[in-house]
Amino acid sequence: MSPTPQNPDPEVEDTQAEQDSPPPACVLTFNASDASGAGGLAGDVATIAAMGAHCLPVVSAIVLRDTAEVFEHVNLDADTVAEQARHILEDVPITAWKVGFLGNAEAVSAVAEVLSDYPDIPLVTYLPAVAWIDEDEQQQYLDALRELVLPQTAVLVGNHKTMTDFLLPDWDNERAPSARELAVAAAQAGAQHVLVTGVQLPNQYVDNVLANAQGPITGEKFERFETAFVGAGDTLSAALAALLSVGAELHSAVSEALSFLDQSLDAGFRPGMGNVIPDRFFWALPAADEEGGEPPSFDPDPEPEQAPKSPRRMH
């Protein structure tokens, strides 16, 4: 006689189902440690988690700063930076990269070598302003970034002025360069696309444009406002990398990443005496007029009746 089967334990079945479910997409990000939590690796981890992916953070440098300004940074040994990545890459499959601030030219070279071993994985490169660095060291860093990382970059993300200084340092026209002109310069260095933010427009608006060498692809205009933020660029680039990691089409991923950034800035907070930090988990908080209600979910493309009353805006 065969034994009588026992009733299955629902909790055991639920646990097994969770173990059998696929893990979230993984994004490996090279960036500096930023103790303010505004940008750097802290910003990447929060953003990528909020987008539903898993961040694999590789420390490239340590930035000493508060929410108002950067004081200096400490470089890590280039081999240490690369080995962090190689150990995790031997264990975890990834579907997107993000590169932020790498510290110095030696670290750029080490990171570029790691990236070159995985040419089919999309790379989002964020170009922060690095004005606090010594001029000679800054030039070496930017030259290395241009020569070694841009040829592997799917999307270069940066503020209009920062990107102009980087890609077109000899620009002397009274007219600011267009997104297409920046994309042409980026393409000459090997980058496929640029996502240019903060393009100044009349009537207190700014444009944010995805472009390649053929011209603009998509973009959104936001109302400009005077609140000073820190961490916006890291948020946008990390959100874009997370969306590309799950196979989103580039034009829709850019639109959704801009929407996410805009809502993060609208919900931003000032933890100290300096600038405002984006709240990447705005969607997890109940609305001000709700007490004990269900937290709202992030909807990057709301229906007309759900749309915010004021125009979306990005600093």
C-alpha atoms as a PDB file:
ATOM      1  CA  MET A   1       0.000   0.000   0.000  1.00  0.00           C
ATOM      2  CA  SER A   2       1.391   3.390  -0.947  1.00  0.00           C
ATOM      3  CA  PRO A   3       1.567   6.033   1.761  1.00  0.00           C
ATOM      4  CA  THR A   4      -1.206   8.582   1.947  1.00  0.00           C
ATOM      5  CA  PRO A   5       0.069  11.932   0.592  1.00  0.00           C
ATOM      6  CA  GLN A   6       0.155  14.713   3.161  1.00  0.00           C
ATOM      7  CA  ASN A   7      -1.457  18.082   2.601  1.00  0.00           C
ATOM      8  CA  PRO A   8       1.166  20.473   1.214  1.00  0.00           C
ATOM      9  CA  ASP A   9       2.253  23.367   3.395  1.00  0.00           C
ATOM     10  CA  PRO A  10       1.169  26.636   1.682  1.00  0.00           C
ATOM     11  CA  GLU A  11       4.095  28.538   3.161  1.00  0.00           C
ATOM     12  CA  VAL A  12       6.575  25.989   1.781  1.00  0.00           C
ATOM     13  CA  GLU A  13       4.937  26.203  -1.658  1.00  0.00           C
ATOM     14  CA  ASP A  14       5.101  30.002  -1.606  1.00  0.00           C
ATOM     15  CA  THR A  15       8.781  29.914  -0.640  1.00  0.00           C
ATOM     16  CA  GLN A  16       9.560  27.447  -3.422  1.00  0.00           C
ATOM     17  CA  ALA A  17       7.700  29.597  -5.941  1.00  0.00           C
ATOM     18  CA  GLU A  18       9.750  32.630  -4.894  1.00  0.00           C
ATOM     19  CA  GLN A  19      12.968  30.661  -5.274  1.00  0.00           C
ATOM     20  CA  ASP A  20      11.931  29.499  -8.742  1.00  0.00           C
ATOM     21  CA  SER A  21      10.974  32.979  -9.974  1.00  0.00           C
ATOM     22  CA  PRO A  22      13.581  34.720 -12.134  1.00  0.00           C
ATOM     23  CA  PRO A  23      15.755  37.362 -10.440  1.00  0.00           C
ATOM     24  CA  PRO A  24      15.475  41.012 -11.414  1.00  0.00           C
ATOM     25  CA  ALA A  25      17.655  42.401 -14.172  1.00  0.00           C
ATOM     26  CA  CYS A  26      21.120  43.338 -12.904  1.00  0.00           C
ATOM     27  CA  VAL A  27      22.902  46.610 -13.679  1.00  0.00           C
ATOM     28  CA  LEU A  28      26.587  46.999 -12.867  1.00  0.00           C
ATOM     29  CA  THR A  29      27.501  50.581 -12.116  1.00  0.00           C
ATOM     30  CA  PHE A  30      30.965  52.103 -11.739  1.00  0.00           C
ATOM     31  CA  ASN A  31      30.703  55.254  -9.658  1.00  0.00           C
ATOM     32  CA  ALA A  32      32.155  57.109  -6.704  1.00  0.00           C
ATOM     33  CA  SER A  33      31.051  56.697  -3.109  1.00  0.00           C
ATOM     34  CA  ASP A  34      29.141  59.852  -2.112  1.00  0.00           C
ATOM     35  CA  ALA A  35      28.324  60.072   1.596  1.00  0.00           C
ATOM     36  CA  SER A  36      25.604  62.675   0.998  1.00  0.00           C
ATOM     37  CA  GLY A  37      23.453  60.021  -0.693  1.00  0.00           C
ATOM     38  CA  ALA A  38      22.614  62.543  -3.400  1.00  0.00           C
ATOM     39  CA  GLY A  39      24.480  60.953  -6.282  1.00  0.00           C
ATOM     40  CA  GLY A  40      27.284  58.519  -6.861  1.00  0.00           C
ATOM     41  CA  LEU A  41      26.735  54.895  -5.922  1.00  0.00           C
ATOM     42  CA  ALA A  42      24.096  55.712  -3.316  1.00  0.00           C
ATOM     43  CA  GLY A  43      22.037  57.469  -5.967  1.00  0.00           C
ATOM     44  CA  ASP A  44      22.546  54.617  -8.416  1.00  0.00           C
ATOM     45  CA  VAL A  45      21.497  51.939  -5.915  1.00  0.00           C
ATOM     46  CA  ALA A  46      18.352  53.835  -4.891  1.00  0.00           C
ATOM     47  CA  THR A  47      17.348  54.662  -8.463  1.00  0.00           C
ATOM     48  CA  ILE A  48      17.950  51.223  -9.927  1.00  0.00           C
ATOM     49  CA  ALA A  49      16.109  49.589  -7.023  1.00  0.00           C
ATOM     50  CA  ALA A  50      13.188  51.974  -7.456  1.00  0.00           C
ATOM     51  CA  MET A  51      13.028  51.005 -11.131  1.00  0.00           C
ATOM     52  CA  GLY A  52      12.762  47.331 -10.179  1.00  0.00           C
ATOM     53  CA  ALA A  53      16.269  46.183 -11.126  1.00  0.00           C
ATOM     54  CA  HIS A  54      19.217  45.099  -8.974  1.00  0.00           C
ATOM     55  CA  CYS A  55      22.304  47.312  -8.717  1.00  0.00           C
ATOM     56  CA  LEU A  56      25.813  45.856  -8.578  1.00  0.00           C
ATOM     57  CA  PRO A  57      27.799  48.861  -7.269  1.00  0.00           C
ATOM     58  CA  VAL A  58      31.537  49.062  -7.961  1.00  0.00           C
ATOM     59  CA  VAL A  59      33.367  51.782  -6.030  1.00  0.00           C
ATOM     60  CA  SER A  60      35.651  53.784  -8.313  1.00  0.00           C
ATOM     61  CA  ALA A  61      36.623  56.629  -5.938  1.00  0.00           C
ATOM     62  CA  ILE A  62      35.513  58.373  -2.746  1.00  0.00           C
ATOM     63  CA  VAL A  63      34.080  61.874  -3.113  1.00  0.00           C
ATOM     64  CA  LEU A  64      34.300  64.073  -0.027  1.00  0.00           C
ATOM     65  CA  ARG A  65      31.319  66.373  -0.147  1.00  0.00           C
ATOM     66  CA  ASP A  66      28.172  67.580   1.576  1.00  0.00           C
ATOM     67  CA  THR A  67      24.860  68.494  -0.002  1.00  0.00           C
ATOM     68  CA  ALA A  68      26.196  71.916  -1.010  1.00  0.00           C
ATOM     69  CA  GLU A  69      29.615  71.310  -2.576  1.00  0.00           C
ATOM     70  CA  VAL A  70      32.414  68.890  -3.397  1.00  0.00           C
ATOM     71  CA  PHE A  71      35.644  69.386  -1.459  1.00  0.00           C
ATOM     72  CA  GLU A  72      37.921  66.731  -2.955  1.00  0.00           C
ATOM     73  CA  HIS A  73      38.072  63.069  -3.880  1.00  0.00           C
ATOM     74  CA  VAL A  74      40.268  60.087  -3.101  1.00  0.00           C
ATOM     75  CA  ASN A  75      41.189  57.693  -5.911  1.00  0.00           C
ATOM     76  CA  LEU A  76      41.198  53.942  -5.512  1.00  0.00           C
ATOM     77  CA  ASP A  77      43.872  51.765  -7.051  1.00  0.00           C
ATOM     78  CA  ALA A  78      42.824  51.038 -10.648  1.00  0.00           C
ATOM     79  CA  ASP A  79      43.346  47.292 -10.225  1.00  0.00           C
ATOM     80  CA  THR A  80      41.074  47.333  -7.174  1.00  0.00           C
ATOM     81  CA  VAL A  81      38.346  48.997  -9.212  1.00  0.00           C
ATOM     82  CA  ALA A  82      38.629  46.443 -11.999  1.00  0.00           C
ATOM     83  CA  GLU A  83      38.826  43.428  -9.682  1.00  0.00           C
ATOM     84  CA  GLN A  84      35.610  44.409  -7.916  1.00  0.00           C
ATOM     85  CA  ALA A  85      33.842  44.185 -11.249  1.00  0.00           C
ATOM     86  CA  ARG A  86      35.551  41.046 -12.511  1.00  0.00           C
ATOM     87  CA  HIS A  87      34.715  39.035  -9.390  1.00  0.00           C
ATOM     88  CA  ILE A  88      31.017  39.847  -9.622  1.00  0.00           C
ATOM     89  CA  LEU A  89      30.897  39.409 -13.410  1.00  0.00           C
ATOM     90  CA  GLU A  90      32.161  35.849 -13.034  1.00  0.00           C
ATOM     91  CA  ASP A  91      29.166  35.169 -10.803  1.00  0.00           C
ATOM     92  CA  VAL A  92      26.236  37.351 -11.927  1.00  0.00           C
ATOM     93  CA  PRO A  93      24.990  37.942 -15.491  1.00  0.00           C
ATOM     94  CA  ILE A  94      24.250  41.604 -16.193  1.00  0.00           C
ATOM     95  CA  THR A  95      22.120  43.282 -18.848  1.00  0.00           C
ATOM     96  CA  ALA A  96      23.289  46.917 -18.626  1.00  0.00           C
ATOM     97  CA  TRP A  97      26.181  49.079 -17.411  1.00  0.00           C
ATOM     98  CA  LYS A  98      26.357  52.563 -16.018  1.00  0.00           C
ATOM     99  CA  VAL A  99      29.542  54.606 -15.740  1.00  0.00           C
ATOM    100  CA  GLY A 100      29.615  57.653 -13.483  1.00  0.00           C
ATOM    101  CA  PHE A 101      32.626  59.411 -11.946  1.00  0.00           C
ATOM    102  CA  LEU A 102      35.697  57.156 -12.095  1.00  0.00           C
ATOM    103  CA  GLY A 103      38.268  59.295 -10.270  1.00  0.00           C
ATOM    104  CA  ASN A 104      41.302  59.447 -12.557  1.00  0.00           C
ATOM    105  CA  ALA A 105      42.639  58.403 -15.945  1.00  0.00           C
ATOM    106  CA  GLU A 106      44.103  55.147 -14.607  1.00  0.00           C
ATOM    107  CA  ALA A 107      40.703  54.033 -13.334  1.00  0.00           C
ATOM    108  CA  VAL A 108      39.122  55.018 -16.657  1.00  0.00           C
ATOM    109  CA  SER A 109      41.579  52.739 -18.457  1.00  0.00           C
ATOM    110  CA  ALA A 110      40.898  49.838 -16.082  1.00  0.00           C
ATOM    111  CA  VAL A 111      37.128  50.207 -16.385  1.00  0.00           C
ATOM    112  CA  ALA A 112      37.303  50.490 -20.180  1.00  0.00           C
ATOM    113  CA  GLU A 113      39.194  47.208 -20.326  1.00  0.00           C
ATOM    114  CA  VAL A 114      36.461  45.483 -18.313  1.00  0.00           C
ATOM    115  CA  LEU A 115      33.747  46.981 -20.513  1.00  0.00           C
ATOM    116  CA  SER A 116      35.482  45.804 -23.679  1.00  0.00           C
ATOM    117  CA  ASP A 117      35.023  42.163 -22.645  1.00  0.00           C
ATOM    118  CA  TYR A 118      31.226  42.567 -22.856  1.00  0.00           C
ATOM    119  CA  PRO A 119      30.593  44.602 -26.038  1.00  0.00           C
ATOM    120  CA  ASP A 120      26.941  43.567 -26.428  1.00  0.00           C
ATOM    121  CA  ILE A 121      25.776  44.977 -23.080  1.00  0.00           C
ATOM    122  CA  PRO A 122      24.400  48.549 -23.385  1.00  0.00           C
ATOM    123  CA  LEU A 123      26.425  51.212 -21.582  1.00  0.00           C
ATOM    124  CA  VAL A 124      25.026  54.480 -20.235  1.00  0.00           C
ATOM    125  CA  THR A 125      27.806  56.968 -19.436  1.00  0.00           C
ATOM    126  CA  TYR A 126      27.025  59.957 -17.228  1.00  0.00           C
ATOM    127  CA  LEU A 127      29.231  63.032 -17.597  1.00  0.00           C
ATOM    128  CA  PRO A 128      29.275  64.993 -14.314  1.00  0.00           C
ATOM    129  CA  ALA A 129      30.926  68.378 -13.885  1.00  0.00           C
ATOM    130  CA  VAL A 130      34.368  67.846 -12.324  1.00  0.00           C
ATOM    131  CA  ALA A 131      35.358  71.457 -11.734  1.00  0.00           C
ATOM    132  CA  TRP A 132      36.924  70.725  -8.339  1.00  0.00           C
ATOM    133  CA  ILE A 133      39.713  68.614  -9.893  1.00  0.00           C
ATOM    134  CA  ASP A 134      43.124  70.091 -10.675  1.00  0.00           C
ATOM    135  CA  GLU A 135      43.148  71.339 -14.273  1.00  0.00           C
ATOM    136  CA  ASP A 136      45.871  68.995 -15.548  1.00  0.00           C
ATOM    137  CA  GLU A 137      44.377  65.944 -13.835  1.00  0.00           C
ATOM    138  CA  GLN A 138      40.936  66.939 -15.084  1.00  0.00           C
ATOM    139  CA  GLN A 139      42.168  67.118 -18.683  1.00  0.00           C
ATOM    140  CA  GLN A 140      43.851  63.712 -18.418  1.00  0.00           C
ATOM    141  CA  TYR A 141      40.658  62.239 -16.991  1.00  0.00           C
ATOM    142  CA  LEU A 142      38.415  63.668 -19.694  1.00  0.00           C
ATOM    143  CA  ASP A 143      40.825  62.694 -22.478  1.00  0.00           C
ATOM    144  CA  ALA A 144      40.865  59.103 -21.207  1.00  0.00           C
ATOM    145  CA  LEU A 145      37.077  59.070 -20.958  1.00  0.00           C
ATOM    146  CA  ARG A 146      36.776  60.349 -24.536  1.00  0.00           C
ATOM    147  CA  GLU A 147      39.286  57.891 -25.980  1.00  0.00           C
ATOM    148  CA  LEU A 148      38.445  54.736 -24.007  1.00  0.00           C
ATOM    149  CA  VAL A 149      34.857  54.848 -22.731  1.00  0.00           C
ATOM    150  CA  LEU A 150      32.965  56.843 -25.359  1.00  0.00           C
ATOM    151  CA  PRO A 151      33.655  54.283 -28.116  1.00  0.00           C
ATOM    152  CA  GLN A 152      31.757  51.749 -26.003  1.00  0.00           C
ATOM    153  CA  THR A 153      28.893  54.075 -24.977  1.00  0.00           C
ATOM    154  CA  ALA A 154      25.329  53.627 -26.168  1.00  0.00           C
ATOM    155  CA  VAL A 155      24.073  56.846 -24.521  1.00  0.00           C
ATOM    156  CA  LEU A 156      26.161  59.716 -23.144  1.00  0.00           C
ATOM    157  CA  VAL A 157      24.097  61.667 -20.593  1.00  0.00           C
ATOM    158  CA  GLY A 158      24.965  65.168 -19.428  1.00  0.00           C
ATOM    159  CA  ASN A 159      23.987  68.761 -18.915  1.00  0.00           C
ATOM    160  CA  HIS A 160      24.141  70.932 -22.031  1.00  0.00           C
ATOM    161  CA  LYS A 161      26.999  73.130 -20.793  1.00  0.00           C
ATOM    162  CA  THR A 162      29.040  70.257 -19.337  1.00  0.00           C
ATOM    163  CA  MET A 163      28.649  68.267 -22.533  1.00  0.00           C
ATOM    164  CA  THR A 164      29.554  71.275 -24.681  1.00  0.00           C
ATOM    165  CA  ASP A 165      32.757  71.860 -22.702  1.00  0.00           C
ATOM    166  CA  PHE A 166      33.628  68.177 -23.063  1.00  0.00           C
ATOM    167  CA  LEU A 167      32.716  67.492 -26.686  1.00  0.00           C
ATOM    168  CA  LEU A 168      33.195  70.929 -28.278  1.00  0.00           C
ATOM    169  CA  PRO A 169      35.781  72.737 -26.120  1.00  0.00           C
ATOM    170  CA  ASP A 170      36.698  75.130 -28.949  1.00  0.00           C
ATOM    171  CA  TRP A 171      33.104  76.186 -29.673  1.00  0.00           C
ATOM    172  CA  ASP A 172      33.126  79.965 -30.127  1.00  0.00           C
ATOM    173  CA  ASN A 173      29.791  80.590 -31.829  1.00  0.00           C
ATOM    174  CA  GLU A 174      27.450  82.956 -29.983  1.00  0.00           C
ATOM    175  CA  ARG A 175      24.744  80.351 -30.525  1.00  0.00           C
ATOM    176  CA  ALA A 176      24.948  77.357 -28.217  1.00  0.00           C
ATOM    177  CA  PRO A 177      25.458  74.035 -30.016  1.00  0.00           C
ATOM    178  CA  SER A 178      22.379  71.973 -30.774  1.00  0.00           C
ATOM    179  CA  ALA A 179      21.832  68.450 -29.507  1.00  0.00           C
ATOM    180  CA  ARG A 180      22.585  67.166 -33.007  1.00  0.00           C
ATOM    181  CA  GLU A 181      25.914  69.028 -33.121  1.00  0.00           C
ATOM    182  CA  LEU A 182      26.842  67.515 -29.768  1.00  0.00           C
ATOM    183  CA  ALA A 183      25.756  64.105 -31.048  1.00  0.00           C
ATOM    184  CA  VAL A 184      27.981  64.500 -34.117  1.00  0.00           C
ATOM    185  CA  ALA A 185      30.965  65.282 -31.884  1.00  0.00           C
ATOM    186  CA  ALA A 186      30.109  62.325 -29.645  1.00  0.00           C
ATOM    187  CA  ALA A 187      29.780  60.041 -32.669  1.00  0.00           C
ATOM    188  CA  GLN A 188      33.252  61.049 -33.828  1.00  0.00           C
ATOM    189  CA  ALA A 189      34.502  59.682 -30.502  1.00  0.00           C
ATOM    190  CA  GLY A 190      32.384  56.543 -30.920  1.00  0.00           C
ATOM    191  CA  ALA A 191      29.307  57.211 -28.767  1.00  0.00           C
ATOM    192  CA  GLN A 192      26.031  56.231 -30.416  1.00  0.00           C
ATOM    193  CA  HIS A 193      23.666  58.752 -28.777  1.00  0.00           C
ATOM    194  CA  VAL A 194      23.622  61.753 -26.471  1.00  0.00           C
ATOM    195  CA  LEU A 195      20.919  62.664 -23.965  1.00  0.00           C
ATOM    196  CA  VAL A 196      21.407  66.399 -23.472  1.00  0.00           C
ATOM    197  CA  THR A 197      19.615  67.957 -20.499  1.00  0.00           C
ATOM    198  CA  GLY A 198      19.022  71.546 -19.514  1.00  0.00           C
ATOM    199  CA  VAL A 199      18.987  73.080 -22.992  1.00  0.00           C
ATOM    200  CA  GLN A 200      17.840  76.636 -22.336  1.00  0.00           C
ATOM    201  CA  LEU A 201      14.662  77.759 -24.088  1.00  0.00           C
ATOM    202  CA  PRO A 202      12.697  81.024 -23.961  1.00  0.00           C
ATOM    203  CA  ASN A 203       9.997  81.598 -21.361  1.00  0.00           C
ATOM    204  CA  GLN A 204      11.645  79.697 -18.484  1.00  0.00           C
ATOM    205  CA  TYR A 205      11.650  76.304 -20.183  1.00  0.00           C
ATOM    206  CA  VAL A 206      14.434  73.803 -20.767  1.00  0.00           C
ATOM    207  CA  ASP A 207      14.636  71.041 -23.329  1.00  0.00           C
ATOM    208  CA  ASN A 208      15.980  67.523 -22.819  1.00  0.00           C
ATOM    209  CA  VAL A 209      16.898  65.858 -26.084  1.00  0.00           C
ATOM    210  CA  LEU A 210      17.985  62.386 -27.154  1.00  0.00           C
ATOM    211  CA  ALA A 211      19.914  62.683 -30.418  1.00  0.00           C
ATOM    212  CA  ASN A 212      22.342  60.884 -32.675  1.00  0.00           C
ATOM    213  CA  ALA A 213      24.464  62.161 -35.537  1.00  0.00           C
ATOM    214  CA  GLN A 214      21.439  62.147 -37.853  1.00  0.00           C
ATOM    215  CA  GLY A 215      19.423  64.430 -35.585  1.00  0.00           C
ATOM    216  CA  PRO A 216      17.058  64.550 -32.601  1.00  0.00           C
ATOM    217  CA  ILE A 217      15.128  61.380 -31.796  1.00  0.00           C
ATOM    218  CA  THR A 218      12.937  62.306 -28.848  1.00  0.00           C
ATOM    219  CA  GLY A 219      12.832  64.699 -25.932  1.00  0.00           C
ATOM    220  CA  GLU A 220      10.680  66.583 -23.491  1.00  0.00           C
ATOM    221  CA  LYS A 221      10.417  70.230 -22.522  1.00  0.00           C
ATOM    222  CA  PHE A 222      10.058  71.063 -18.836  1.00  0.00           C
ATOM    223  CA  GLU A 223       9.412  74.275 -16.998  1.00  0.00           C
ATOM    224  CA  ARG A 224      12.607  75.518 -15.367  1.00  0.00           C
ATOM    225  CA  PHE A 225      12.609  76.444 -11.711  1.00  0.00           C
ATOM    226  CA  GLU A 226      15.265  77.884  -9.463  1.00  0.00           C
ATOM    227  CA  THR A 227      15.602  75.208  -6.773  1.00  0.00           C
ATOM    228  CA  ALA A 228      19.141  73.816  -6.748  1.00  0.00           C
ATOM    229  CA  PHE A 229      19.359  70.021  -6.931  1.00  0.00           C
ATOM    230  CA  VAL A 230      22.238  67.603  -6.524  1.00  0.00           C
ATOM    231  CA  GLY A 231      22.093  64.075  -7.899  1.00  0.00           C
ATOM    232  CA  ALA A 232      19.755  64.693 -10.834  1.00  0.00           C
ATOM    233  CA  GLY A 233      22.190  63.493 -13.505  1.00  0.00           C
ATOM    234  CA  ASP A 234      23.061  60.294 -11.665  1.00  0.00           C
ATOM    235  CA  THR A 235      19.345  59.646 -11.170  1.00  0.00           C
ATOM    236  CA  LEU A 236      18.500  60.091 -14.847  1.00  0.00           C
ATOM    237  CA  SER A 237      21.385  57.979 -16.145  1.00  0.00           C
ATOM    238  CA  ALA A 238      20.796  55.185 -13.606  1.00  0.00           C
ATOM    239  CA  ALA A 239      17.080  55.102 -14.437  1.00  0.00           C
ATOM    240  CA  LEU A 240      17.898  54.868 -18.136  1.00  0.00           C
ATOM    241  CA  ALA A 241      20.365  52.023 -17.542  1.00  0.00           C
ATOM    242  CA  ALA A 242      17.762  50.144 -15.489  1.00  0.00           C
ATOM    243  CA  LEU A 243      15.189  50.475 -18.264  1.00  0.00           C
ATOM    244  CA  LEU A 244      17.635  49.341 -20.941  1.00  0.00           C
ATOM    245  CA  SER A 245      18.510  46.358 -18.750  1.00  0.00           C
ATOM    246  CA  VAL A 246      15.023  44.938 -19.252  1.00  0.00           C
ATOM    247  CA  GLY A 247      15.088  45.478 -23.015  1.00  0.00           C
ATOM    248  CA  ALA A 248      13.132  48.723 -23.297  1.00  0.00           C
ATOM    249  CA  GLU A 249      13.388  50.545 -26.611  1.00  0.00           C
ATOM    250  CA  LEU A 250      15.718  53.525 -26.307  1.00  0.00           C
ATOM    251  CA  HIS A 251      13.224  56.270 -27.154  1.00  0.00           C
ATOM    252  CA  SER A 252      10.622  54.972 -24.694  1.00  0.00           C
ATOM    253  CA  ALA A 253      13.284  54.314 -22.041  1.00  0.00           C
ATOM    254  CA  VAL A 254      14.444  57.940 -22.290  1.00  0.00           C
ATOM    255  CA  SER A 255      10.885  59.234 -21.957  1.00  0.00           C
ATOM    256  CA  GLU A 256      10.232  57.048 -18.919  1.00  0.00           C
ATOM    257  CA  ALA A 257      13.572  57.930 -17.304  1.00  0.00           C
ATOM    258  CA  LEU A 258      12.860  61.655 -17.727  1.00  0.00           C
ATOM    259  CA  SER A 259       9.409  61.172 -16.218  1.00  0.00           C
ATOM    260  CA  PHE A 260      10.920  59.300 -13.271  1.00  0.00           C
ATOM    261  CA  LEU A 261      13.500  62.040 -12.719  1.00  0.00           C
ATOM    262  CA  ASP A 262      10.879  64.771 -12.907  1.00  0.00           C
ATOM    263  CA  GLN A 263       8.713  63.133 -10.275  1.00  0.00           C
ATOM    264  CA  SER A 264      11.767  62.430  -8.102  1.00  0.00           C
ATOM    265  CA  LEU A 265      12.671  66.115  -8.207  1.00  0.00           C
ATOM    266  CA  ASP A 266       9.106  67.233  -7.533  1.00  0.00           C
ATOM    267  CA  ALA A 267       9.190  65.097  -4.381  1.00  0.00           C
ATOM    268  CA  GLY A 268      12.757  66.119  -3.527  1.00  0.00           C
ATOM    269  CA  PHE A 269      13.841  66.952   0.001  1.00  0.00           C
ATOM    270  CA  ARG A 270      16.614  68.939   1.685  1.00  0.00           C
ATOM    271  CA  PRO A 271      18.263  66.716   4.329  1.00  0.00           C
ATOM    272  CA  GLY A 272      20.838  69.321   5.347  1.00  0.00           C
ATOM    273  CA  MET A 273      21.716  72.953   4.749  1.00  0.00           C
ATOM    274  CA  GLY A 274      22.653  72.504   1.084  1.00  0.00           C
ATOM    275  CA  ASN A 275      20.800  71.463  -2.033  1.00  0.00           C
ATOM    276  CA  VAL A 276      17.681  69.391  -2.612  1.00  0.00           C
ATOM    277  CA  ILE A 277      18.072  65.642  -3.217  1.00  0.00           C
ATOM    278  CA  PRO A 278      15.737  63.682  -5.517  1.00  0.00           C
ATOM    279  CA  ASP A 279      13.359  61.308  -3.748  1.00  0.00           C
ATOM    280  CA  ARG A 280      13.646  58.155  -5.862  1.00  0.00           C
ATOM    281  CA  PHE A 281      10.934  56.433  -3.820  1.00  0.00           C
ATOM    282  CA  PHE A 282       8.280  59.111  -4.284  1.00  0.00           C
ATOM    283  CA  TRP A 283       5.899  56.421  -5.558  1.00  0.00           C
ATOM    284  CA  ALA A 284       6.137  54.426  -2.308  1.00  0.00           C
ATOM    285  CA  LEU A 285       4.855  57.249  -0.097  1.00  0.00           C
ATOM    286  CA  PRO A 286       1.143  57.856   0.535  1.00  0.00           C
ATOM    287  CA  ALA A 287      -0.274  61.076  -0.826  1.00  0.00           C
ATOM    288  CA  ALA A 288      -0.466  63.993   1.601  1.00  0.00           C
ATOM    289  CA  ASP A 289      -4.253  63.710   1.882  1.00  0.00           C
ATOM    290  CA  GLU A 290      -4.171  59.936   2.433  1.00  0.00           C
ATOM    291  CA  GLU A 291      -3.789  58.408   5.877  1.00  0.00           C
ATOM    292  CA  GLY A 292      -3.171  54.705   5.926  1.00  0.00           C
ATOM    293  CA  GLY A 293      -4.120  54.399   2.248  1.00  0.00           C
ATOM    294  CA  GLU A 294      -2.394  52.305  -0.358  1.00  0.00           C
ATOM    295  CA  PRO A 295       0.870  53.886  -1.568  1.00  0.00           C
ATOM    296  CA  PRO A 296       0.643  55.096  -5.158  1.00  0.00           C
ATOM    297  CA  SER A 297       2.521  53.177  -7.823  1.00  0.00           C
ATOM    298  CA  PHE A 298       4.912  54.799 -10.264  1.00  0.00           C
ATOM    299  CA  ASP A 299       3.174  55.357 -13.581  1.00  0.00           C
ATOM    300  CA  PRO A 300       5.571  56.835 -16.148  1.00  0.00           C
ATOM    301  CA  ASP A 301       2.766  57.535 -18.609  1.00  0.00           C
ATOM    302  CA  PRO A 302      -0.309  58.607 -16.647  1.00  0.00           C
ATOM    303  CA  GLU A 303      -3.752  58.852 -18.189  1.00  0.00           C
ATOM    304  CA  PRO A 304      -4.980  62.431 -18.755  1.00  0.00           C
ATOM    305  CA  GLU A 305      -7.116  62.410 -15.621  1.00  0.00           C
ATOM    306  CA  GLN A 306      -4.100  61.302 -13.563  1.00  0.00           C
ATOM    307  CA  ALA A 307      -1.656  63.793 -14.999  1.00  0.00           C
ATOM    308  CA  PRO A 308      -0.091  66.352 -12.658  1.00  0.00           C
ATOM    309  CA  LYS A 309      -1.798  69.733 -12.583  1.00  0.00           C
ATOM    310  CA  SER A 310       1.387  71.663 -13.321  1.00  0.00           C
ATOM    311  CA  PRO A 311       3.758  70.987 -16.231  1.00  0.00           C
ATOM    312  CA  ARG A 312       6.453  68.455 -15.541  1.00  0.00           C
ATOM    313  CA  ARG A 313       9.751  70.163 -14.984  1.00  0.00           C
ATOM    314  CA  MET A 314      13.394  69.293 -14.593  1.00  0.00           C
ATOM    315  CA  HIS A 315      16.206  71.455 -13.282  1.00  0.00           C
END
